[in-house]
C-alpha atoms as a PDB file:
ATOM      1  CA  MET A   1     -43.519 199.450   9.345  1.00  0.00           C
ATOM      2  CA  GLY A   2     -45.387 198.226   6.012  1.00  0.00           C
ATOM      3  CA  ILE A   3     -44.632 195.306   3.974  1.00  0.00           C
ATOM      4  CA  PHE A   4     -41.578 193.547   3.240  1.00  0.00           C
ATOM      5  CA  GLY A   5     -40.536 193.213  -0.282  1.00  0.00           C
ATOM      6  CA  ARG A   6     -37.303 191.581  -1.636  1.00  0.00           C
ATOM      7  CA  ARG A   7     -35.293 192.768  -4.558  1.00  0.00           C
ATOM      8  CA  ARG A   8     -32.663 190.955  -6.802  1.00  0.00           C
ATOM      9  CA  GLY A   9     -30.170 192.068  -9.258  1.00  0.00           C
ATOM     10  CA  SER A  10     -30.041 195.951  -8.855  1.00  0.00           C
ATOM     11  CA  ARG A  11     -27.195 197.630  -7.676  1.00  0.00           C
ATOM     12  CA  ALA A  12     -28.926 201.283  -6.362  1.00  0.00           C
ATOM     13  CA  GLY A  13     -28.390 199.659  -2.583  1.00  0.00           C
ATOM     14  CA  SER A  14     -24.995 198.510  -3.189  1.00  0.00           C
ATOM     15  CA  ALA A  15     -23.350 198.436   0.275  1.00  0.00           C
ATOM     16  CA  ASP A  16     -19.855 199.422  -1.638  1.00  0.00           C
ATOM     17  CA  PRO A  17     -19.578 203.209  -1.465  1.00  0.00           C
ATOM     18  CA  ALA A  18     -17.545 203.273  -5.055  1.00  0.00           C
ATOM     19  CA  ASP A  19     -20.407 201.251  -6.620  1.00  0.00           C
ATOM     20  CA  ARG A  20     -22.784 203.931  -8.535  1.00  0.00           C
ATOM     21  CA  THR A  21     -25.831 202.975 -10.719  1.00  0.00           C
ATOM     22  CA  GLU A  22     -28.392 204.901 -12.385  1.00  0.00           C
ATOM     23  CA  THR A  23     -30.977 204.985  -9.900  1.00  0.00           C
ATOM     24  CA  GLU A  24     -28.623 206.325  -7.534  1.00  0.00           C
ATOM     25  CA  TYR A  25     -28.728 209.415  -9.231  1.00  0.00           C
ATOM     26  CA  GLY A  26     -30.814 212.635  -8.666  1.00  0.00           C
ATOM     27  CA  ASP A  27     -30.885 215.978  -7.248  1.00  0.00           C
ATOM     28  CA  TYR A  28     -32.688 217.487  -3.854  1.00  0.00           C
ATOM     29  CA  GLY A  29     -33.147 221.171  -4.357  1.00  0.00           C
ATOM     30  CA  ASP A  30     -31.432 224.100  -2.911  1.00  0.00           C
ATOM     31  CA  TYR A  31     -28.686 223.520  -0.169  1.00  0.00           C
ATOM     32  CA  GLY A  32     -28.125 227.002   0.580  1.00  0.00           C
ATOM     33  CA  ASP A  33     -25.040 227.926   1.135  1.00  0.00           C
ATOM     34  CA  GLU A  34     -22.609 225.808  -1.567  1.00  0.00           C
ATOM     35  CA  TYR A  35     -19.003 224.929   0.520  1.00  0.00           C
ATOM     36  CA  ASP A  36     -15.689 226.503  -1.186  1.00  0.00           C
ATOM     37  CA  GLU A  37     -13.413 223.814  -2.653  1.00  0.00           C
ATOM     38  CA  HIS A  38     -10.910 224.589   0.170  1.00  0.00           C
ATOM     39  CA  GLU A  39     -13.522 224.592   3.033  1.00  0.00           C
ATOM     40  CA  ASP A  40     -13.420 222.194   6.141  1.00  0.00           C
ATOM     41  CA  LEU A  41     -15.960 219.520   4.991  1.00  0.00           C
ATOM     42  CA  ALA A  42     -15.604 216.915   7.829  1.00  0.00           C
ATOM     43  CA  GLY A  43     -18.493 216.194   9.454  1.00  0.00           C
ATOM     44  CA  GLY A  44     -19.734 214.149  12.857  1.00  0.00           C
ATOM     45  CA  SER A  45     -22.188 213.875  15.264  1.00  0.00           C
ATOM     46  CA  ALA A  46     -22.487 216.442  17.727  1.00  0.00           C
ATOM     47  CA  PRO A  47     -22.216 215.423  21.185  1.00  0.00           C
ATOM     48  CA  GLY A  48     -25.796 213.888  22.256  1.00  0.00           C
ATOM     49  CA  GLN A  49     -26.743 213.779  18.920  1.00  0.00           C
ATOM     50  CA  GLY A  50     -27.250 211.625  16.388  1.00  0.00           C
ATOM     51  CA  PRO A  51     -26.108 209.193  14.405  1.00  0.00           C
ATOM     52  CA  PHE A  52     -25.304 206.730  17.861  1.00  0.00           C
ATOM     53  CA  ASP A  53     -22.446 204.743  18.217  1.00  0.00           C
ATOM     54  CA  ILE A  54     -23.685 201.495  20.314  1.00  0.00           C
ATOM     55  CA  ALA A  55     -21.984 202.823  23.261  1.00  0.00           C
ATOM     56  CA  ASP A  56     -23.834 205.681  24.126  1.00  0.00           C
ATOM     57  CA  ALA A  57     -27.578 204.306  22.174  1.00  0.00           C
ATOM     58  CA  PRO A  58     -30.110 206.378  24.035  1.00  0.00           C
ATOM     59  CA  ASP A  59     -33.141 204.565  25.762  1.00  0.00           C
ATOM     60  CA  ASP A  60     -35.419 206.948  24.184  1.00  0.00           C
ATOM     61  CA  GLY A  61     -38.399 204.911  23.502  1.00  0.00           C
ATOM     62  CA  VAL A  62     -37.789 205.207  19.205  1.00  0.00           C
ATOM     63  CA  ALA A  63     -39.012 202.233  17.524  1.00  0.00           C
ATOM     64  CA  ARG A  64     -35.345 200.856  15.626  1.00  0.00           C
ATOM     65  CA  MET A  65     -35.651 197.749  12.945  1.00  0.00           C
ATOM     66  CA  ASP A  66     -32.352 195.623  14.173  1.00  0.00           C
ATOM     67  CA  LEU A  67     -29.896 194.886  10.876  1.00  0.00           C
ATOM     68  CA  GLY A  68     -27.258 193.642  13.194  1.00  0.00           C
ATOM     69  CA  SER A  69     -24.579 196.800  12.269  1.00  0.00           C
ATOM     70  CA  VAL A  70     -27.606 199.314  12.343  1.00  0.00           C
ATOM     71  CA  ARG A  71     -30.687 200.008  14.253  1.00  0.00           C
ATOM     72  CA  VAL A  72     -32.454 202.055  11.755  1.00  0.00           C
ATOM     73  CA  PRO A  73     -35.867 203.992  12.414  1.00  0.00           C
ATOM     74  CA  VAL A  74     -39.050 202.806   9.861  1.00  0.00           C
ATOM     75  CA  PRO A  75     -41.152 205.695   9.684  1.00  0.00           C
ATOM     76  CA  ASP A  76     -45.057 204.717   9.929  1.00  0.00           C
ATOM     77  CA  GLY A  77     -46.381 204.151   6.301  1.00  0.00           C
ATOM     78  CA  SER A  78     -43.060 203.261   4.872  1.00  0.00           C
ATOM     79  CA  GLN A  79     -42.496 199.762   3.685  1.00  0.00           C
ATOM     80  CA  VAL A  80     -39.005 197.553   4.323  1.00  0.00           C
ATOM     81  CA  GLN A  81     -37.552 196.400   0.929  1.00  0.00           C
ATOM     82  CA  VAL A  82     -34.907 193.751   0.671  1.00  0.00           C
ATOM     83  CA  GLU A  83     -32.132 193.352  -1.585  1.00  0.00           C
ATOM     84  CA  MET A  84     -30.325 190.268  -2.081  1.00  0.00           C
ATOM     85  CA  ASP A  85     -27.120 189.594  -3.903  1.00  0.00           C
ATOM     86  CA  SER A  86     -28.077 186.360  -6.610  1.00  0.00           C
ATOM     87  CA  SER A  87     -25.181 184.754  -6.185  1.00  0.00           C
ATOM     88  CA  SER A  88     -24.014 184.589  -2.853  1.00  0.00           C
ATOM     89  CA  GLY A  89     -27.453 184.565  -1.307  1.00  0.00           C
ATOM     90  CA  ASN A  90     -26.595 187.272   1.224  1.00  0.00           C
ATOM     91  CA  VAL A  91     -28.224 190.493   1.953  1.00  0.00           C
ATOM     92  CA  ARG A  92     -27.032 193.481   0.065  1.00  0.00           C
ATOM     93  CA  ALA A  93     -29.170 196.213   1.380  1.00  0.00           C
ATOM     94  CA  VAL A  94     -32.347 196.954   3.363  1.00  0.00           C
ATOM     95  CA  HIS A  95     -34.390 199.822   1.734  1.00  0.00           C
ATOM     96  CA  ILE A  96     -37.063 201.949   3.693  1.00  0.00           C
ATOM     97  CA  VAL A  97     -39.144 202.620   0.970  1.00  0.00           C
ATOM     98  CA  THR A  98     -41.131 206.053   2.155  1.00  0.00           C
ATOM     99  CA  ALA A  99     -43.238 208.675  -0.093  1.00  0.00           C
ATOM    100  CA  GLN A 100     -40.769 210.749  -0.562  1.00  0.00           C
ATOM    101  CA  GLY A 101     -38.421 207.862  -1.877  1.00  0.00           C
ATOM    102  CA  GLN A 102     -36.249 204.956  -1.320  1.00  0.00           C
ATOM    103  CA  VAL A 103     -33.795 205.540   1.805  1.00  0.00           C
ATOM    104  CA  THR A 104     -30.798 203.315   2.065  1.00  0.00           C
ATOM    105  CA  VAL A 105     -28.295 203.261   5.472  1.00  0.00           C
ATOM    106  CA  THR A 106     -25.579 201.412   5.271  1.00  0.00           C
ATOM    107  CA  ALA A 107     -22.054 201.768   7.804  1.00  0.00           C
ATOM    108  CA  TYR A 108     -18.554 201.040   7.019  1.00  0.00           C
ATOM    109  CA  ALA A 109     -15.412 200.630   8.914  1.00  0.00           C
ATOM    110  CA  ALA A 110     -12.985 203.502   9.238  1.00  0.00           C
ATOM    111  CA  PRO A 111     -10.250 204.561  10.941  1.00  0.00           C
ATOM    112  CA  ARG A 112     -10.284 206.108  13.840  1.00  0.00           C
ATOM    113  CA  SER A 113      -8.643 209.400  12.825  1.00  0.00           C
ATOM    114  CA  GLY A 114     -11.929 209.757  10.647  1.00  0.00           C
ATOM    115  CA  GLY A 115     -11.972 211.688   7.416  1.00  0.00           C
ATOM    116  CA  LEU A 116     -13.797 208.859   5.289  1.00  0.00           C
ATOM    117  CA  TRP A 117     -16.628 210.693   4.095  1.00  0.00           C
ATOM    118  CA  ARG A 118     -14.615 212.933   2.678  1.00  0.00           C
ATOM    119  CA  GLU A 119     -13.059 210.613   1.058  1.00  0.00           C
ATOM    120  CA  VAL A 120     -16.132 208.773  -0.340  1.00  0.00           C
ATOM    121  CA  SER A 121     -17.836 211.644  -1.360  1.00  0.00           C
ATOM    122  CA  ASP A 122     -15.121 213.224  -3.353  1.00  0.00           C
ATOM    123  CA  GLU A 123     -14.978 209.772  -5.120  1.00  0.00           C
ATOM    124  CA  LEU A 124     -18.921 209.721  -5.823  1.00  0.00           C
ATOM    125  CA  ALA A 125     -19.063 213.072  -7.066  1.00  0.00           C
ATOM    126  CA  GLU A 126     -16.380 212.391  -9.271  1.00  0.00           C
ATOM    127  CA  GLN A 127     -17.635 209.281 -10.563  1.00  0.00           C
ATOM    128  CA  LEU A 128     -21.425 211.142 -11.413  1.00  0.00           C
ATOM    129  CA  ARG A 129     -20.062 214.059 -13.159  1.00  0.00           C
ATOM    130  CA  SER A 130     -18.046 211.298 -15.284  1.00  0.00           C
ATOM    131  CA  ASP A 131     -21.051 209.855 -15.805  1.00  0.00           C
ATOM    132  CA  GLY A 132     -22.599 212.536 -17.156  1.00  0.00           C
ATOM    133  CA  ALA A 133     -25.089 213.696 -13.782  1.00  0.00           C
ATOM    134  CA  GLN A 134     -25.226 217.059 -12.495  1.00  0.00           C
ATOM    135  CA  VAL A 135     -24.107 217.532  -9.043  1.00  0.00           C
ATOM    136  CA  SER A 136     -23.995 219.944  -6.293  1.00  0.00           C
ATOM    137  CA  VAL A 137     -22.050 220.249  -2.556  1.00  0.00           C
ATOM    138  CA  GLY A 138     -23.253 221.923  -0.273  1.00  0.00           C
ATOM    139  CA  ARG A 139     -23.856 222.239   4.103  1.00  0.00           C
ATOM    140  CA  GLY A 140     -26.043 219.889   5.314  1.00  0.00           C
ATOM    141  CA  GLU A 141     -26.206 219.181   9.936  1.00  0.00           C
ATOM    142  CA  TRP A 142     -23.234 216.658   9.763  1.00  0.00           C
ATOM    143  CA  GLY A 143     -21.059 218.701   6.992  1.00  0.00           C
ATOM    144  CA  MET A 144     -21.287 217.992   3.022  1.00  0.00           C
ATOM    145  CA  GLU A 145     -23.860 216.335   1.467  1.00  0.00           C
ATOM    146  CA  LEU A 146     -24.318 215.659  -2.120  1.00  0.00           C
ATOM    147  CA  SER A 147     -27.497 215.784  -4.681  1.00  0.00           C
ATOM    148  CA  ALA A 148     -27.191 214.994  -8.592  1.00  0.00           C
ATOM    149  CA  ILE A 149     -29.397 215.166 -11.598  1.00  0.00           C
ATOM    150  CA  VAL A 150     -30.277 212.450 -13.939  1.00  0.00           C
ATOM    151  CA  GLY A 151     -33.192 212.483 -15.884  1.00  0.00           C
ATOM    152  CA  GLU A 152     -36.371 212.643 -13.559  1.00  0.00           C
ATOM    153  CA  VAL A 153     -34.204 210.468 -10.643  1.00  0.00           C
ATOM    154  CA  ALA A 154     -33.568 212.790  -7.794  1.00  0.00           C
ATOM    155  CA  LEU A 155     -30.834 211.526  -5.121  1.00  0.00           C
ATOM    156  CA  ARG A 156     -29.479 213.030  -1.483  1.00  0.00           C
ATOM    157  CA  PHE A 157     -26.034 211.161  -0.456  1.00  0.00           C
ATOM    158  CA  ILE A 158     -24.990 212.249   3.596  1.00  0.00           C
ATOM    159  CA  GLY A 159     -22.467 210.785   5.242  1.00  0.00           C
ATOM    160  CA  VAL A 160     -21.459 211.268   9.111  1.00  0.00           C
ATOM    161  CA  ASP A 161     -17.800 209.540  10.176  1.00  0.00           C
ATOM    162  CA  GLY A 162     -18.405 208.257  14.021  1.00  0.00           C
ATOM    163  CA  PRO A 163     -15.891 206.253  16.210  1.00  0.00           C
ATOM    164  CA  ARG A 164     -14.190 203.677  13.775  1.00  0.00           C
ATOM    165  CA  TRP A 165     -17.506 204.131  11.509  1.00  0.00           C
ATOM    166  CA  MET A 166     -18.627 205.991   8.694  1.00  0.00           C
ATOM    167  CA  LEU A 167     -22.822 206.201   8.280  1.00  0.00           C
ATOM    168  CA  ARG A 168     -23.716 206.897   4.598  1.00  0.00           C
ATOM    169  CA  GLY A 169     -27.466 207.383   3.870  1.00  0.00           C
ATOM    170  CA  VAL A 170     -29.125 208.082   1.086  1.00  0.00           C
ATOM    171  CA  ILE A 171     -32.592 208.574  -0.515  1.00  0.00           C
ATOM    172  CA  ALA A 172     -33.353 208.593  -4.313  1.00  0.00           C
ATOM    173  CA  GLY A 173     -37.062 209.358  -6.022  1.00  0.00           C
ATOM    174  CA  PRO A 174     -38.532 211.516  -8.082  1.00  0.00           C
ATOM    175  CA  GLN A 175     -37.696 215.217  -8.390  1.00  0.00           C
ATOM    176  CA  SER A 176     -41.578 216.299  -7.552  1.00  0.00           C
ATOM    177  CA  GLN A 177     -40.362 215.418  -3.678  1.00  0.00           C
ATOM    178  CA  ALA A 178     -37.219 216.938  -3.838  1.00  0.00           C
ATOM    179  CA  ALA A 179     -37.977 219.811  -0.785  1.00  0.00           C
ATOM    180  CA  GLN A 180     -39.326 217.286   1.764  1.00  0.00           C
ATOM    181  CA  ALA A 181     -37.049 214.026   0.833  1.00  0.00           C
ATOM    182  CA  PRO A 182     -33.809 215.665   2.381  1.00  0.00           C
ATOM    183  CA  MET A 183     -35.983 215.774   5.452  1.00  0.00           C
ATOM    184  CA  VAL A 184     -36.860 212.634   5.779  1.00  0.00           C
ATOM    185  CA  LEU A 185     -33.685 210.839   4.631  1.00  0.00           C
ATOM    186  CA  ARG A 186     -31.999 213.164   7.791  1.00  0.00           C
ATOM    187  CA  ASP A 187     -34.336 212.191  10.755  1.00  0.00           C
ATOM    188  CA  ILE A 188     -33.867 208.401   9.866  1.00  0.00           C
ATOM    189  CA  VAL A 189     -30.094 209.104  10.090  1.00  0.00           C
ATOM    190  CA  ARG A 190     -30.321 211.457  13.230  1.00  0.00           C
ATOM    191  CA  ALA A 191     -32.143 208.479  14.854  1.00  0.00           C
ATOM    192  CA  THR A 192     -29.556 205.610  13.391  1.00  0.00           C
ATOM    193  CA  ILE A 193     -27.472 203.499  15.699  1.00  0.00           C
ATOM    194  CA  VAL A 194     -24.330 201.971  14.662  1.00  0.00           C
ATOM    195  CA  ASP A 195     -22.775 198.723  15.941  1.00  0.00           C
ATOM    196  CA  ARG A 196     -19.281 198.335  14.611  1.00  0.00           C
ATOM    197  CA  GLY A 197     -18.166 195.471  16.906  1.00  0.00           C
ATOM    198  CA  ASP A 198     -14.509 195.405  18.222  1.00  0.00           C
ATOM    199  CA  ALA A 199     -12.976 193.000  15.174  1.00  0.00           C
ATOM    200  CA  PRO A 200     -10.514 194.886  12.954  1.00  0.00           C
ATOM    201  CA  MET A 201     -11.262 195.352   9.465  1.00  0.00           C
ATOM    202  CA  PRO A 202     -10.102 197.300   6.170  1.00  0.00           C
ATOM    203  CA  VAL A 203     -11.020 200.399   5.990  1.00  0.00           C
ATOM    204  CA  ARG A 204     -14.371 200.845   3.858  1.00  0.00           C
ATOM    205  CA  THR A 205     -15.319 197.293   4.510  1.00  0.00           C
ATOM    206  CA  PRO A 206     -19.377 197.183   4.797  1.00  0.00           C
ATOM    207  CA  LEU A 207     -20.634 196.065   8.230  1.00  0.00           C
ATOM    208  CA  ALA A 208     -22.613 193.198   8.205  1.00  0.00           C
ATOM    209  CA  ILE A 209     -26.135 193.098   7.675  1.00  0.00           C
ATOM    210  CA  THR A 210     -28.783 190.630   9.721  1.00  0.00           C
ATOM    211  CA  LEU A 211     -32.193 190.365   8.995  1.00  0.00           C
ATOM    212  CA  PRO A 212     -34.779 190.148  11.983  1.00  0.00           C
ATOM    213  CA  GLU A 213     -36.485 186.616  12.221  1.00  0.00           C
ATOM    214  CA  ALA A 214     -39.393 188.250  10.905  1.00  0.00           C
ATOM    215  CA  VAL A 215     -38.249 189.734   7.735  1.00  0.00           C
ATOM    216  CA  ALA A 216     -35.908 186.783   7.391  1.00  0.00           C
ATOM    217  CA  ALA A 217     -38.925 184.605   7.285  1.00  0.00           C
ATOM    218  CA  HIS A 218     -40.852 186.764   4.981  1.00  0.00           C
ATOM    219  CA  VAL A 219     -37.986 186.462   2.602  1.00  0.00           C
ATOM    220  CA  ALA A 220     -37.511 182.995   2.919  1.00  0.00           C
ATOM    221  CA  GLU A 221     -40.827 182.417   2.321  1.00  0.00           C
ATOM    222  CA  GLN A 222     -41.086 184.575  -1.198  1.00  0.00           C
ATOM    223  CA  ALA A 223     -38.280 182.772  -2.240  1.00  0.00           C
ATOM    224  CA  GLN A 224     -40.057 179.237  -1.528  1.00  0.00           C
ATOM    225  CA  GLY A 225     -42.961 180.410  -3.292  1.00  0.00           C
ATOM    226  CA  ARG A 226     -41.041 181.697  -6.574  1.00  0.00           C
ATOM    227  CA  ALA A 227     -38.946 178.104  -6.538  1.00  0.00           C
ATOM    228  CA  GLN A 228     -42.322 176.192  -6.713  1.00  0.00           C
ATOM    229  CA  GLU A 229     -43.904 178.461  -9.706  1.00  0.00           C
END
């Protein structure tokens, strides 16, 4: 799993689907077929294929990091980086840092009817373009995927509509890793399990992240060390 790090002040892994920062922009190369503007862009998991709702979670022996609302596989050789909200002290995001880029997987409350990823991705693409990014829209394993280019930073967005949840995955890294990065992101998203819970909550509310005990202890230890400096 690698070592645990802690980030403060960055918004790159923000849980808000409307939150864009410079580090969230990039491109991951050739998509193949581009979407037609009027084509159905809805996406979701096929039966028996991940990401999985907790009710359908497979007993597949895959080691996953339990973050409460999501259980995410951590590839060998990668590192886990925790991003804290400096004002509240809460966990803002957990990133998986791989050789191909930084992966962030976040789940949100969604309507029973689905279709939230289409709305969010349209808004994201519009925001990226207004910020001067070169944005591409393409067809992926679950439907629409987005990429954009800003400077030397590359990023791919994937979204999946599940039962009352939407899962968004993003990988950000150098353009030199553009060919391999989407596969890394898809592998992580495909094996992720979402535990939305039964509590009612507004659509687009990010599902709460809780840290495993070992990770939480490490983060607290680092914070204490900085306080004593």
